[in-house]
Amino acid sequence: MSNFALKVTRLGFSALQAASPDLAGRAAFRLFCRTPSPRPKGTRAKAAHAAGAARLAGAERFRLKLAGGAKAHAYRLNGGARGKRKRFLVAHGWGSSAEYMAEVVSMLAATGAEVVALDFPGHGRAGGRFLHMRLAVETILAAEARFGAFDAAIGHSFGGAALMVSASGLLPDAAPLNVERLILVGAPSEMRWLFTGFGRMVGLRPAAQTALENEVHRVTGRRLEEFDAAGAAGKLDLPVLVIHAEDDKEVSPAHARRYGAAGEGVRLLWANGFGHRRIVSAAPVLEAIAMFLDDSRPEQDVSDENIKKDAEIIPFFELPARRAAL
């Protein structure tokens, strides 16, 4: 949002909440849920989108219909083949699309697995400009209903949080996602910080901020403080791999630390130097994902792999070379 647009928005909310804090809160929720334009902006984004589209050019495409008329979109690679094979689900982040997850998708498809990559409502080929957590969870469950249970699910940023909310059955009246492993890349561990920051940005006063948070409860059936994805991760009876960068400027590394402290089933790997967006296509991150999903490899305590003798901190991208040298 440009400085001018933000000033206009703040003035509008100032007037609206003076008349009706409840109305201002509801309007703020609608604005919060409005998604960016799906058209890539900037040279790098356009190049990444084009490269991803080329990778997905041969994929099957599906429309997923959700409650209330909302629609999502899915790509499928290696679908319909005979014989036993793995099935993986890939979920993008806010303002992203399946194209930006294409390197993960291609890597997984190269193993022969059936891979389904989502476009949430308001993103990619799904159409619309509106998304919230319940719609994201409905999309994930619609994919499961359409394609069958997944062996593992990989999610970036908002997509990772949505997968955790879905797998933990956190939303009332939404069955838990049936999955055996989860991988969260640059994912938030709770949502209060988002709504608090948004309310501060648009100038909401306490009554309107409360109304905004009440909308979350109305739409999802859960209060904002109940969206504790890290706590949910610790209670799941399945392995969870969390990959994050300490230089992530969009989702604080504190979220990864919360996940890492959640329980023995959660492994934390630092992918420092890759920030929030490049992390999903970084070669060592793809390697870590492949290793975590490879049943033929022995289980490893990867959370300890960042620290070597003499208290030396080893950057994540150096780990394969350092292991070979030992």
C-alpha atoms as a PDB file:
ATOM      1  CA  MET A   1       0.000   0.000   0.000  1.00  0.00           C
ATOM      2  CA  SER A   2       1.477   3.345  -1.042  1.00  0.00           C
ATOM      3  CA  ASN A   3       1.935   6.160   1.472  1.00  0.00           C
ATOM      4  CA  PHE A   4      -0.890   8.125  -0.138  1.00  0.00           C
ATOM      5  CA  ALA A   5      -3.254   5.143  -0.130  1.00  0.00           C
ATOM      6  CA  LEU A   6      -2.379   4.434   3.493  1.00  0.00           C
ATOM      7  CA  LYS A   7      -3.110   8.023   4.508  1.00  0.00           C
ATOM      8  CA  VAL A   8      -6.487   7.886   2.773  1.00  0.00           C
ATOM      9  CA  THR A   9      -7.245   4.518   4.380  1.00  0.00           C
ATOM     10  CA  ARG A  10      -6.346   5.792   7.847  1.00  0.00           C
ATOM     11  CA  LEU A  11      -8.550   8.857   7.374  1.00  0.00           C
ATOM     12  CA  GLY A  12     -11.419   6.653   6.267  1.00  0.00           C
ATOM     13  CA  PHE A  13     -11.110   4.356   9.262  1.00  0.00           C
ATOM     14  CA  SER A  14     -10.784   7.323  11.604  1.00  0.00           C
ATOM     15  CA  ALA A  15     -14.152   8.621  10.449  1.00  0.00           C
ATOM     16  CA  LEU A  16     -15.806   5.212  10.265  1.00  0.00           C
ATOM     17  CA  GLN A  17     -14.832   4.044  13.739  1.00  0.00           C
ATOM     18  CA  ALA A  18     -15.937   7.360  15.234  1.00  0.00           C
ATOM     19  CA  ALA A  19     -19.416   6.519  13.948  1.00  0.00           C
ATOM     20  CA  SER A  20     -19.361   2.745  14.488  1.00  0.00           C
ATOM     21  CA  PRO A  21     -16.397   0.738  15.824  1.00  0.00           C
ATOM     22  CA  ASP A  22     -18.169  -2.512  14.877  1.00  0.00           C
ATOM     23  CA  LEU A  23     -18.629  -1.406  11.282  1.00  0.00           C
ATOM     24  CA  ALA A  24     -15.004  -0.255  11.158  1.00  0.00           C
ATOM     25  CA  GLY A  25     -13.837  -3.628  12.477  1.00  0.00           C
ATOM     26  CA  ARG A  26     -15.830  -5.513   9.858  1.00  0.00           C
ATOM     27  CA  ALA A  27     -14.516  -3.255   7.115  1.00  0.00           C
ATOM     28  CA  ALA A  28     -10.971  -3.745   8.383  1.00  0.00           C
ATOM     29  CA  PHE A  29     -11.410  -7.521   8.222  1.00  0.00           C
ATOM     30  CA  ARG A  30     -12.552  -7.284   4.591  1.00  0.00           C
ATOM     31  CA  LEU A  31      -9.517  -5.164   3.797  1.00  0.00           C
ATOM     32  CA  PHE A  32      -7.215  -7.541   5.674  1.00  0.00           C
ATOM     33  CA  CYS A  33      -8.514 -10.462   3.589  1.00  0.00           C
ATOM     34  CA  ARG A  34      -8.130  -8.677   0.240  1.00  0.00           C
ATOM     35  CA  THR A  35      -5.369 -10.377  -1.700  1.00  0.00           C
ATOM     36  CA  PRO A  36      -2.790  -8.678  -3.934  1.00  0.00           C
ATOM     37  CA  SER A  37      -3.124  -8.721  -7.698  1.00  0.00           C
ATOM     38  CA  PRO A  38      -2.018 -12.101  -9.079  1.00  0.00           C
ATOM     39  CA  ARG A  39       0.021 -10.349 -11.757  1.00  0.00           C
ATOM     40  CA  PRO A  40       3.727 -10.379 -10.860  1.00  0.00           C
ATOM     41  CA  LYS A  41       5.374  -7.005 -10.324  1.00  0.00           C
ATOM     42  CA  GLY A  42       9.012  -6.280 -10.991  1.00  0.00           C
ATOM     43  CA  THR A  43      11.580  -7.967 -13.199  1.00  0.00           C
ATOM     44  CA  ARG A  44      12.528 -10.708 -10.741  1.00  0.00           C
ATOM     45  CA  ALA A  45       8.947 -11.622  -9.897  1.00  0.00           C
ATOM     46  CA  LYS A  46       8.005 -11.769 -13.575  1.00  0.00           C
ATOM     47  CA  ALA A  47      10.993 -13.967 -14.360  1.00  0.00           C
ATOM     48  CA  ALA A  48      10.253 -16.316 -11.443  1.00  0.00           C
ATOM     49  CA  HIS A  49       6.592 -16.527 -12.424  1.00  0.00           C
ATOM     50  CA  ALA A  50       7.421 -17.279 -16.053  1.00  0.00           C
ATOM     51  CA  ALA A  51       9.909 -19.971 -15.060  1.00  0.00           C
ATOM     52  CA  GLY A  52       7.359 -21.539 -12.718  1.00  0.00           C
ATOM     53  CA  ALA A  53       4.641 -21.446 -15.361  1.00  0.00           C
ATOM     54  CA  ALA A  54       6.946 -23.252 -17.764  1.00  0.00           C
ATOM     55  CA  ARG A  55       7.596 -25.977 -15.187  1.00  0.00           C
ATOM     56  CA  LEU A  56       3.864 -26.446 -14.645  1.00  0.00           C
ATOM     57  CA  ALA A  57       2.912 -26.258 -18.316  1.00  0.00           C
ATOM     58  CA  GLY A  58       2.352 -29.997 -18.594  1.00  0.00           C
ATOM     59  CA  ALA A  59       0.388 -30.379 -15.363  1.00  0.00           C
ATOM     60  CA  GLU A  60      -3.290 -31.274 -15.188  1.00  0.00           C
ATOM     61  CA  ARG A  61      -5.496 -28.444 -13.920  1.00  0.00           C
ATOM     62  CA  PHE A  62      -8.484 -28.706 -11.626  1.00  0.00           C
ATOM     63  CA  ARG A  63     -11.069 -26.303 -10.236  1.00  0.00           C
ATOM     64  CA  LEU A  64     -11.920 -26.859  -6.573  1.00  0.00           C
ATOM     65  CA  LYS A  65     -15.320 -25.543  -5.495  1.00  0.00           C
ATOM     66  CA  LEU A  66     -15.624 -24.347  -1.914  1.00  0.00           C
ATOM     67  CA  ALA A  67     -18.529 -23.393   0.330  1.00  0.00           C
ATOM     68  CA  GLY A  68     -20.176 -20.047  -0.399  1.00  0.00           C
ATOM     69  CA  GLY A  69     -19.202 -20.056  -4.069  1.00  0.00           C
ATOM     70  CA  ALA A  70     -15.457 -19.525  -3.550  1.00  0.00           C
ATOM     71  CA  LYS A  71     -13.110 -21.327  -5.909  1.00  0.00           C
ATOM     72  CA  ALA A  72      -9.559 -22.633  -5.694  1.00  0.00           C
ATOM     73  CA  HIS A  73      -7.287 -24.148  -8.292  1.00  0.00           C
ATOM     74  CA  ALA A  74      -4.963 -27.137  -8.311  1.00  0.00           C
ATOM     75  CA  TYR A  75      -2.205 -28.470 -10.551  1.00  0.00           C
ATOM     76  CA  ARG A  76      -1.402 -32.188 -10.604  1.00  0.00           C
ATOM     77  CA  LEU A  77       1.721 -33.900 -11.899  1.00  0.00           C
ATOM     78  CA  ASN A  78       2.084 -37.679 -12.318  1.00  0.00           C
ATOM     79  CA  GLY A  79      -1.601 -38.203 -11.718  1.00  0.00           C
ATOM     80  CA  GLY A  80      -3.612 -41.231 -12.717  1.00  0.00           C
ATOM     81  CA  ALA A  81      -0.673 -43.610 -13.082  1.00  0.00           C
ATOM     82  CA  ARG A  82      -0.956 -47.192 -11.936  1.00  0.00           C
ATOM     83  CA  GLY A  83       1.037 -48.663  -9.097  1.00  0.00           C
ATOM     84  CA  LYS A  84       1.908 -47.529  -5.602  1.00  0.00           C
ATOM     85  CA  ARG A  85       3.432 -44.075  -5.359  1.00  0.00           C
ATOM     86  CA  LYS A  86       3.703 -41.227  -2.902  1.00  0.00           C
ATOM     87  CA  ARG A  87       1.272 -38.313  -3.036  1.00  0.00           C
ATOM     88  CA  PHE A  88       2.392 -34.837  -1.927  1.00  0.00           C
ATOM     89  CA  LEU A  89       0.536 -31.554  -1.441  1.00  0.00           C
ATOM     90  CA  VAL A  90       2.216 -28.161  -1.938  1.00  0.00           C
ATOM     91  CA  ALA A  91       0.738 -24.881  -0.621  1.00  0.00           C
ATOM     92  CA  HIS A  92       2.014 -21.382  -1.424  1.00  0.00           C
ATOM     93  CA  GLY A  93       2.154 -18.273   0.736  1.00  0.00           C
ATOM     94  CA  TRP A  94       0.120 -15.054   0.810  1.00  0.00           C
ATOM     95  CA  GLY A  95       0.394 -13.099  -2.451  1.00  0.00           C
ATOM     96  CA  SER A  96       2.103 -16.034  -4.135  1.00  0.00           C
ATOM     97  CA  SER A  97       0.910 -18.936  -6.309  1.00  0.00           C
ATOM     98  CA  ALA A  98       1.827 -22.442  -7.405  1.00  0.00           C
ATOM     99  CA  GLU A  99       4.208 -20.975 -10.000  1.00  0.00           C
ATOM    100  CA  TYR A 100       6.474 -19.687  -7.239  1.00  0.00           C
ATOM    101  CA  MET A 101       6.533 -23.164  -5.666  1.00  0.00           C
ATOM    102  CA  ALA A 102       7.348 -24.861  -8.977  1.00  0.00           C
ATOM    103  CA  GLU A 103      10.907 -25.886  -8.079  1.00  0.00           C
ATOM    104  CA  VAL A 104       9.628 -27.782  -5.041  1.00  0.00           C
ATOM    105  CA  VAL A 105       6.877 -29.291  -7.190  1.00  0.00           C
ATOM    106  CA  SER A 106       9.334 -30.324  -9.934  1.00  0.00           C
ATOM    107  CA  MET A 107      11.758 -31.836  -7.435  1.00  0.00           C
ATOM    108  CA  LEU A 108       8.992 -33.928  -5.872  1.00  0.00           C
ATOM    109  CA  ALA A 109       7.539 -34.956  -9.254  1.00  0.00           C
ATOM    110  CA  ALA A 110      10.987 -36.094 -10.413  1.00  0.00           C
ATOM    111  CA  THR A 111      10.855 -38.827  -7.753  1.00  0.00           C
ATOM    112  CA  GLY A 112       7.802 -40.279  -9.490  1.00  0.00           C
ATOM    113  CA  ALA A 113       5.412 -39.052  -6.801  1.00  0.00           C
ATOM    114  CA  GLU A 114       1.989 -37.626  -7.581  1.00  0.00           C
ATOM    115  CA  VAL A 115       2.184 -33.938  -6.700  1.00  0.00           C
ATOM    116  CA  VAL A 116      -0.714 -31.534  -6.198  1.00  0.00           C
ATOM    117  CA  ALA A 117       0.039 -27.803  -6.012  1.00  0.00           C
ATOM    118  CA  LEU A 118      -2.645 -25.388  -4.868  1.00  0.00           C
ATOM    119  CA  ASP A 119      -3.705 -21.902  -5.814  1.00  0.00           C
ATOM    120  CA  PHE A 120      -5.718 -20.600  -2.857  1.00  0.00           C
ATOM    121  CA  PRO A 121      -8.723 -18.329  -3.530  1.00  0.00           C
ATOM    122  CA  GLY A 122      -7.536 -14.893  -4.590  1.00  0.00           C
ATOM    123  CA  HIS A 123      -4.267 -16.299  -5.925  1.00  0.00           C
ATOM    124  CA  GLY A 124      -2.907 -17.647  -9.188  1.00  0.00           C
ATOM    125  CA  ARG A 125      -5.546 -19.211 -11.423  1.00  0.00           C
ATOM    126  CA  ALA A 126      -8.143 -19.431  -8.648  1.00  0.00           C
ATOM    127  CA  GLY A 127      -9.578 -15.992  -9.342  1.00  0.00           C
ATOM    128  CA  GLY A 128     -11.071 -13.535  -6.892  1.00  0.00           C
ATOM    129  CA  ARG A 129      -9.304 -11.207  -4.481  1.00  0.00           C
ATOM    130  CA  PHE A 130     -10.303 -12.607  -1.079  1.00  0.00           C
ATOM    131  CA  LEU A 131      -8.809 -15.175   1.298  1.00  0.00           C
ATOM    132  CA  HIS A 132      -8.887 -16.020   4.996  1.00  0.00           C
ATOM    133  CA  MET A 133      -7.832 -19.015   7.051  1.00  0.00           C
ATOM    134  CA  ARG A 134     -11.126 -20.894   6.817  1.00  0.00           C
ATOM    135  CA  LEU A 135     -11.072 -20.664   3.012  1.00  0.00           C
ATOM    136  CA  ALA A 136      -7.482 -21.888   3.005  1.00  0.00           C
ATOM    137  CA  VAL A 137      -8.357 -24.885   5.182  1.00  0.00           C
ATOM    138  CA  GLU A 138     -11.403 -25.625   2.996  1.00  0.00           C
ATOM    139  CA  THR A 139      -9.103 -25.594  -0.044  1.00  0.00           C
ATOM    140  CA  ILE A 140      -6.716 -28.073   1.558  1.00  0.00           C
ATOM    141  CA  LEU A 141      -9.544 -30.415   2.522  1.00  0.00           C
ATOM    142  CA  ALA A 142     -11.133 -30.073  -0.930  1.00  0.00           C
ATOM    143  CA  ALA A 143      -7.831 -31.216  -2.429  1.00  0.00           C
ATOM    144  CA  GLU A 144      -7.773 -34.220  -0.105  1.00  0.00           C
ATOM    145  CA  ALA A 145     -11.365 -35.076  -1.057  1.00  0.00           C
ATOM    146  CA  ARG A 146     -10.548 -34.781  -4.770  1.00  0.00           C
ATOM    147  CA  PHE A 147      -7.180 -36.562  -4.918  1.00  0.00           C
ATOM    148  CA  GLY A 148      -7.046 -38.731  -1.796  1.00  0.00           C
ATOM    149  CA  ALA A 149      -4.895 -38.715   1.339  1.00  0.00           C
ATOM    150  CA  PHE A 150      -1.409 -37.204   1.114  1.00  0.00           C
ATOM    151  CA  ASP A 151       1.776 -38.790   2.387  1.00  0.00           C
ATOM    152  CA  ALA A 152       3.201 -35.349   3.132  1.00  0.00           C
ATOM    153  CA  ALA A 153       2.345 -31.681   2.726  1.00  0.00           C
ATOM    154  CA  ILE A 154       4.757 -28.799   2.179  1.00  0.00           C
ATOM    155  CA  GLY A 155       3.700 -25.212   2.815  1.00  0.00           C
ATOM    156  CA  HIS A 156       5.424 -21.838   2.570  1.00  0.00           C
ATOM    157  CA  SER A 157       4.535 -18.913   4.854  1.00  0.00           C
ATOM    158  CA  PHE A 158       0.727 -18.574   5.108  1.00  0.00           C
ATOM    159  CA  GLY A 159       0.412 -21.917   3.320  1.00  0.00           C
ATOM    160  CA  GLY A 160       2.477 -23.597   6.018  1.00  0.00           C
ATOM    161  CA  ALA A 161       0.324 -22.107   8.765  1.00  0.00           C
ATOM    162  CA  ALA A 162      -2.826 -23.209   6.922  1.00  0.00           C
ATOM    163  CA  LEU A 163      -1.497 -26.753   6.660  1.00  0.00           C
ATOM    164  CA  MET A 164      -0.764 -26.826  10.382  1.00  0.00           C
ATOM    165  CA  VAL A 165      -4.215 -25.464  11.241  1.00  0.00           C
ATOM    166  CA  SER A 166      -5.738 -28.079   8.938  1.00  0.00           C
ATOM    167  CA  ALA A 167      -3.652 -31.041  10.143  1.00  0.00           C
ATOM    168  CA  SER A 168      -4.375 -30.216  13.775  1.00  0.00           C
ATOM    169  CA  GLY A 169      -8.135 -29.942  13.179  1.00  0.00           C
ATOM    170  CA  LEU A 170      -8.084 -26.546  14.840  1.00  0.00           C
ATOM    171  CA  LEU A 171     -11.156 -25.183  13.052  1.00  0.00           C
ATOM    172  CA  PRO A 172     -14.547 -26.381  14.324  1.00  0.00           C
ATOM    173  CA  ASP A 173     -16.507 -28.487  11.818  1.00  0.00           C
ATOM    174  CA  ALA A 174     -13.376 -29.126   9.723  1.00  0.00           C
ATOM    175  CA  ALA A 175     -11.938 -32.634   9.844  1.00  0.00           C
ATOM    176  CA  PRO A 176      -8.171 -32.861  10.305  1.00  0.00           C
ATOM    177  CA  LEU A 177      -6.080 -33.282   7.173  1.00  0.00           C
ATOM    178  CA  ASN A 178      -4.950 -36.906   6.858  1.00  0.00           C
ATOM    179  CA  VAL A 179      -1.194 -36.560   6.343  1.00  0.00           C
ATOM    180  CA  GLU A 180       1.886 -38.445   7.545  1.00  0.00           C
ATOM    181  CA  ARG A 181       4.505 -35.660   7.472  1.00  0.00           C
ATOM    182  CA  LEU A 182       4.520 -31.877   7.370  1.00  0.00           C
ATOM    183  CA  ILE A 183       7.128 -29.399   6.149  1.00  0.00           C
ATOM    184  CA  LEU A 184       6.721 -25.719   7.040  1.00  0.00           C
ATOM    185  CA  VAL A 185       8.971 -23.198   5.279  1.00  0.00           C
ATOM    186  CA  GLY A 186       9.101 -19.647   6.634  1.00  0.00           C
ATOM    187  CA  ALA A 187       5.743 -20.179   8.335  1.00  0.00           C
ATOM    188  CA  PRO A 188       4.167 -18.100  11.128  1.00  0.00           C
ATOM    189  CA  SER A 189       3.380 -19.863  14.396  1.00  0.00           C
ATOM    190  CA  GLU A 190       0.426 -17.676  15.445  1.00  0.00           C
ATOM    191  CA  MET A 191      -1.659 -14.842  13.996  1.00  0.00           C
ATOM    192  CA  ARG A 192      -2.123 -12.176  16.653  1.00  0.00           C
ATOM    193  CA  TRP A 193       0.973 -10.271  15.502  1.00  0.00           C
ATOM    194  CA  LEU A 194      -0.525  -9.945  12.009  1.00  0.00           C
ATOM    195  CA  PHE A 195      -3.821  -8.477  13.170  1.00  0.00           C
ATOM    196  CA  THR A 196      -2.196  -6.258  15.769  1.00  0.00           C
ATOM    197  CA  GLY A 197       0.217  -4.880  13.191  1.00  0.00           C
ATOM    198  CA  PHE A 198      -2.538  -4.411  10.630  1.00  0.00           C
ATOM    199  CA  GLY A 199      -4.764  -2.581  13.104  1.00  0.00           C
ATOM    200  CA  ARG A 200      -1.903  -0.293  14.046  1.00  0.00           C
ATOM    201  CA  MET A 201      -1.119   0.356  10.375  1.00  0.00           C
ATOM    202  CA  VAL A 202      -4.661   1.489   9.489  1.00  0.00           C
ATOM    203  CA  GLY A 203      -5.118   3.374  12.759  1.00  0.00           C
ATOM    204  CA  LEU A 204      -7.728   1.283  14.553  1.00  0.00           C
ATOM    205  CA  ARG A 205      -8.577   2.296  18.103  1.00  0.00           C
ATOM    206  CA  PRO A 206      -9.224  -0.390  20.772  1.00  0.00           C
ATOM    207  CA  ALA A 207     -12.970  -0.814  20.143  1.00  0.00           C
ATOM    208  CA  ALA A 208     -12.529  -1.203  16.395  1.00  0.00           C
ATOM    209  CA  GLN A 209      -9.538  -3.514  16.912  1.00  0.00           C
ATOM    210  CA  THR A 210     -11.717  -5.711  19.115  1.00  0.00           C
ATOM    211  CA  ALA A 211     -14.389  -5.732  16.409  1.00  0.00           C
ATOM    212  CA  LEU A 212     -11.780  -6.769  13.847  1.00  0.00           C
ATOM    213  CA  GLU A 213     -10.672  -9.669  16.022  1.00  0.00           C
ATOM    214  CA  ASN A 214     -14.297 -10.646  16.644  1.00  0.00           C
ATOM    215  CA  GLU A 215     -14.653 -11.095  12.882  1.00  0.00           C
ATOM    216  CA  VAL A 216     -11.924 -13.723  13.018  1.00  0.00           C
ATOM    217  CA  HIS A 217     -13.991 -15.602  15.591  1.00  0.00           C
ATOM    218  CA  ARG A 218     -17.182 -15.241  13.562  1.00  0.00           C
ATOM    219  CA  VAL A 219     -15.608 -16.537  10.343  1.00  0.00           C
ATOM    220  CA  THR A 220     -13.368 -19.289  11.707  1.00  0.00           C
ATOM    221  CA  GLY A 221     -15.063 -20.321  14.946  1.00  0.00           C
ATOM    222  CA  ARG A 222     -11.838 -19.668  16.857  1.00  0.00           C
ATOM    223  CA  ARG A 223     -10.581 -16.634  18.697  1.00  0.00           C
ATOM    224  CA  LEU A 224      -7.345 -15.081  17.543  1.00  0.00           C
ATOM    225  CA  GLU A 225      -5.368 -16.316  20.535  1.00  0.00           C
ATOM    226  CA  GLU A 226      -6.430 -19.900  19.780  1.00  0.00           C
ATOM    227  CA  PHE A 227      -4.505 -19.941  16.505  1.00  0.00           C
ATOM    228  CA  ASP A 228      -1.380 -21.371  18.121  1.00  0.00           C
ATOM    229  CA  ALA A 229       0.161 -23.357  15.278  1.00  0.00           C
ATOM    230  CA  ALA A 230       3.343 -24.042  17.248  1.00  0.00           C
ATOM    231  CA  GLY A 231       1.374 -25.506  20.141  1.00  0.00           C
ATOM    232  CA  ALA A 232      -0.607 -27.604  17.678  1.00  0.00           C
ATOM    233  CA  ALA A 233       2.606 -28.881  16.086  1.00  0.00           C
ATOM    234  CA  GLY A 234       3.805 -30.210  19.433  1.00  0.00           C
ATOM    235  CA  LYS A 235       0.619 -32.232  19.874  1.00  0.00           C
ATOM    236  CA  LEU A 236       0.609 -33.865  16.439  1.00  0.00           C
ATOM    237  CA  ASP A 237       1.587 -37.513  16.256  1.00  0.00           C
ATOM    238  CA  LEU A 238       3.633 -37.050  13.086  1.00  0.00           C
ATOM    239  CA  PRO A 239       7.061 -35.654  12.120  1.00  0.00           C
ATOM    240  CA  VAL A 240       7.205 -31.933  11.335  1.00  0.00           C
ATOM    241  CA  LEU A 241      10.170 -30.225   9.677  1.00  0.00           C
ATOM    242  CA  VAL A 242      10.412 -26.443  10.086  1.00  0.00           C
ATOM    243  CA  ILE A 243      12.790 -24.576   7.765  1.00  0.00           C
ATOM    244  CA  HIS A 244      13.356 -20.863   8.362  1.00  0.00           C
ATOM    245  CA  ALA A 245      15.960 -18.176   7.768  1.00  0.00           C
ATOM    246  CA  GLU A 246      17.171 -15.929  10.548  1.00  0.00           C
ATOM    247  CA  ASP A 247      17.330 -13.130   7.955  1.00  0.00           C
ATOM    248  CA  ASP A 248      13.617 -13.527   7.137  1.00  0.00           C
ATOM    249  CA  LYS A 249      12.227  -9.981   7.242  1.00  0.00           C
ATOM    250  CA  GLU A 250       8.571 -10.933   6.700  1.00  0.00           C
ATOM    251  CA  VAL A 251       8.058 -13.729   9.238  1.00  0.00           C
ATOM    252  CA  SER A 252      10.273 -13.321  12.288  1.00  0.00           C
ATOM    253  CA  PRO A 253      12.609 -16.226  13.129  1.00  0.00           C
ATOM    254  CA  ALA A 254      10.982 -16.146  16.564  1.00  0.00           C
ATOM    255  CA  HIS A 255       8.142 -18.126  14.988  1.00  0.00           C
ATOM    256  CA  ALA A 256      10.564 -20.889  13.993  1.00  0.00           C
ATOM    257  CA  ARG A 257      11.975 -20.956  17.513  1.00  0.00           C
ATOM    258  CA  ARG A 258       8.463 -21.393  18.902  1.00  0.00           C
ATOM    259  CA  TYR A 259       7.953 -24.342  16.571  1.00  0.00           C
ATOM    260  CA  GLY A 260      11.332 -25.779  17.506  1.00  0.00           C
ATOM    261  CA  ALA A 261      10.451 -25.704  21.195  1.00  0.00           C
ATOM    262  CA  ALA A 262       7.009 -27.255  20.667  1.00  0.00           C
ATOM    263  CA  GLY A 263       7.917 -30.901  21.047  1.00  0.00           C
ATOM    264  CA  GLU A 264      10.177 -33.798  20.108  1.00  0.00           C
ATOM    265  CA  GLY A 265       8.338 -34.398  16.837  1.00  0.00           C
ATOM    266  CA  VAL A 266       9.322 -30.991  15.459  1.00  0.00           C
ATOM    267  CA  ARG A 267      12.713 -30.512  13.800  1.00  0.00           C
ATOM    268  CA  LEU A 268      14.106 -27.069  13.075  1.00  0.00           C
ATOM    269  CA  LEU A 269      16.607 -26.241  10.344  1.00  0.00           C
ATOM    270  CA  TRP A 270      18.011 -22.764   9.742  1.00  0.00           C
ATOM    271  CA  ALA A 271      18.399 -21.821   6.070  1.00  0.00           C
ATOM    272  CA  ASN A 272      20.189 -18.555   6.718  1.00  0.00           C
ATOM    273  CA  GLY A 273      20.904 -16.258   3.813  1.00  0.00           C
ATOM    274  CA  PHE A 274      17.786 -17.125   1.829  1.00  0.00           C
ATOM    275  CA  GLY A 275      15.326 -14.685   3.419  1.00  0.00           C
ATOM    276  CA  HIS A 276      11.595 -15.248   3.117  1.00  0.00           C
ATOM    277  CA  ARG A 277      11.035 -15.793  -0.598  1.00  0.00           C
ATOM    278  CA  ARG A 278      14.212 -17.281  -2.081  1.00  0.00           C
ATOM    279  CA  ILE A 279      14.111 -19.994   0.562  1.00  0.00           C
ATOM    280  CA  VAL A 280      11.488 -22.042  -1.312  1.00  0.00           C
ATOM    281  CA  SER A 281      13.732 -22.522  -4.347  1.00  0.00           C
ATOM    282  CA  ALA A 282      17.159 -22.721  -2.665  1.00  0.00           C
ATOM    283  CA  ALA A 283      19.011 -25.923  -3.600  1.00  0.00           C
ATOM    284  CA  PRO A 284      19.974 -26.907  -0.020  1.00  0.00           C
ATOM    285  CA  VAL A 285      16.392 -26.390   1.120  1.00  0.00           C
ATOM    286  CA  LEU A 286      15.155 -28.666  -1.656  1.00  0.00           C
ATOM    287  CA  GLU A 287      17.773 -31.217  -0.552  1.00  0.00           C
ATOM    288  CA  ALA A 288      16.569 -31.040   3.058  1.00  0.00           C
ATOM    289  CA  ILE A 289      12.966 -31.535   1.956  1.00  0.00           C
ATOM    290  CA  ALA A 290      13.924 -34.546  -0.161  1.00  0.00           C
ATOM    291  CA  MET A 291      15.891 -36.098   2.709  1.00  0.00           C
ATOM    292  CA  PHE A 292      13.030 -35.614   5.158  1.00  0.00           C
ATOM    293  CA  LEU A 293      10.583 -37.296   2.772  1.00  0.00           C
ATOM    294  CA  ASP A 294      12.881 -40.185   1.829  1.00  0.00           C
ATOM    295  CA  ASP A 295      11.798 -43.215   3.861  1.00  0.00           C
ATOM    296  CA  SER A 296      14.926 -45.120   2.842  1.00  0.00           C
ATOM    297  CA  ARG A 297      17.208 -42.753   4.772  1.00  0.00           C
ATOM    298  CA  PRO A 298      17.762 -43.356   8.505  1.00  0.00           C
ATOM    299  CA  GLU A 299      16.155 -40.912  10.900  1.00  0.00           C
ATOM    300  CA  GLN A 300      18.442 -38.028  11.834  1.00  0.00           C
ATOM    301  CA  ASP A 301      18.285 -35.412  14.553  1.00  0.00           C
ATOM    302  CA  VAL A 302      18.654 -32.574  12.083  1.00  0.00           C
ATOM    303  CA  SER A 303      17.999 -29.969  14.764  1.00  0.00           C
ATOM    304  CA  ASP A 304      21.561 -30.583  16.010  1.00  0.00           C
ATOM    305  CA  GLU A 305      23.179 -30.244  12.595  1.00  0.00           C
ATOM    306  CA  ASN A 306      23.616 -26.490  12.835  1.00  0.00           C
ATOM    307  CA  ILE A 307      26.207 -26.691  15.640  1.00  0.00           C
ATOM    308  CA  LYS A 308      29.650 -28.236  15.379  1.00  0.00           C
ATOM    309  CA  LYS A 309      32.686 -28.474  17.650  1.00  0.00           C
ATOM    310  CA  ASP A 310      34.128 -25.343  19.259  1.00  0.00           C
ATOM    311  CA  ALA A 311      30.628 -23.816  19.288  1.00  0.00           C
ATOM    312  CA  GLU A 312      30.993 -22.934  15.600  1.00  0.00           C
ATOM    313  CA  ILE A 313      27.683 -22.067  13.948  1.00  0.00           C
ATOM    314  CA  ILE A 314      27.491 -23.719  10.539  1.00  0.00           C
ATOM    315  CA  PRO A 315      25.321 -21.989   7.912  1.00  0.00           C
ATOM    316  CA  PHE A 316      22.679 -24.375   6.627  1.00  0.00           C
ATOM    317  CA  PHE A 317      23.855 -24.197   3.015  1.00  0.00           C
ATOM    318  CA  GLU A 318      27.329 -25.442   4.042  1.00  0.00           C
ATOM    319  CA  LEU A 319      26.077 -28.547   5.832  1.00  0.00           C
ATOM    320  CA  PRO A 320      26.387 -31.121   2.996  1.00  0.00           C
ATOM    321  CA  ALA A 321      29.993 -30.084   2.266  1.00  0.00           C
ATOM    322  CA  ARG A 322      30.924 -29.969   5.956  1.00  0.00           C
ATOM    323  CA  ARG A 323      29.467 -33.448   6.545  1.00  0.00           C
ATOM    324  CA  ALA A 324      31.523 -34.828   3.659  1.00  0.00           C
ATOM    325  CA  ALA A 325      34.676 -33.256   5.111  1.00  0.00           C
ATOM    326  CA  LEU A 326      34.275 -34.831   8.550  1.00  0.00           C
END
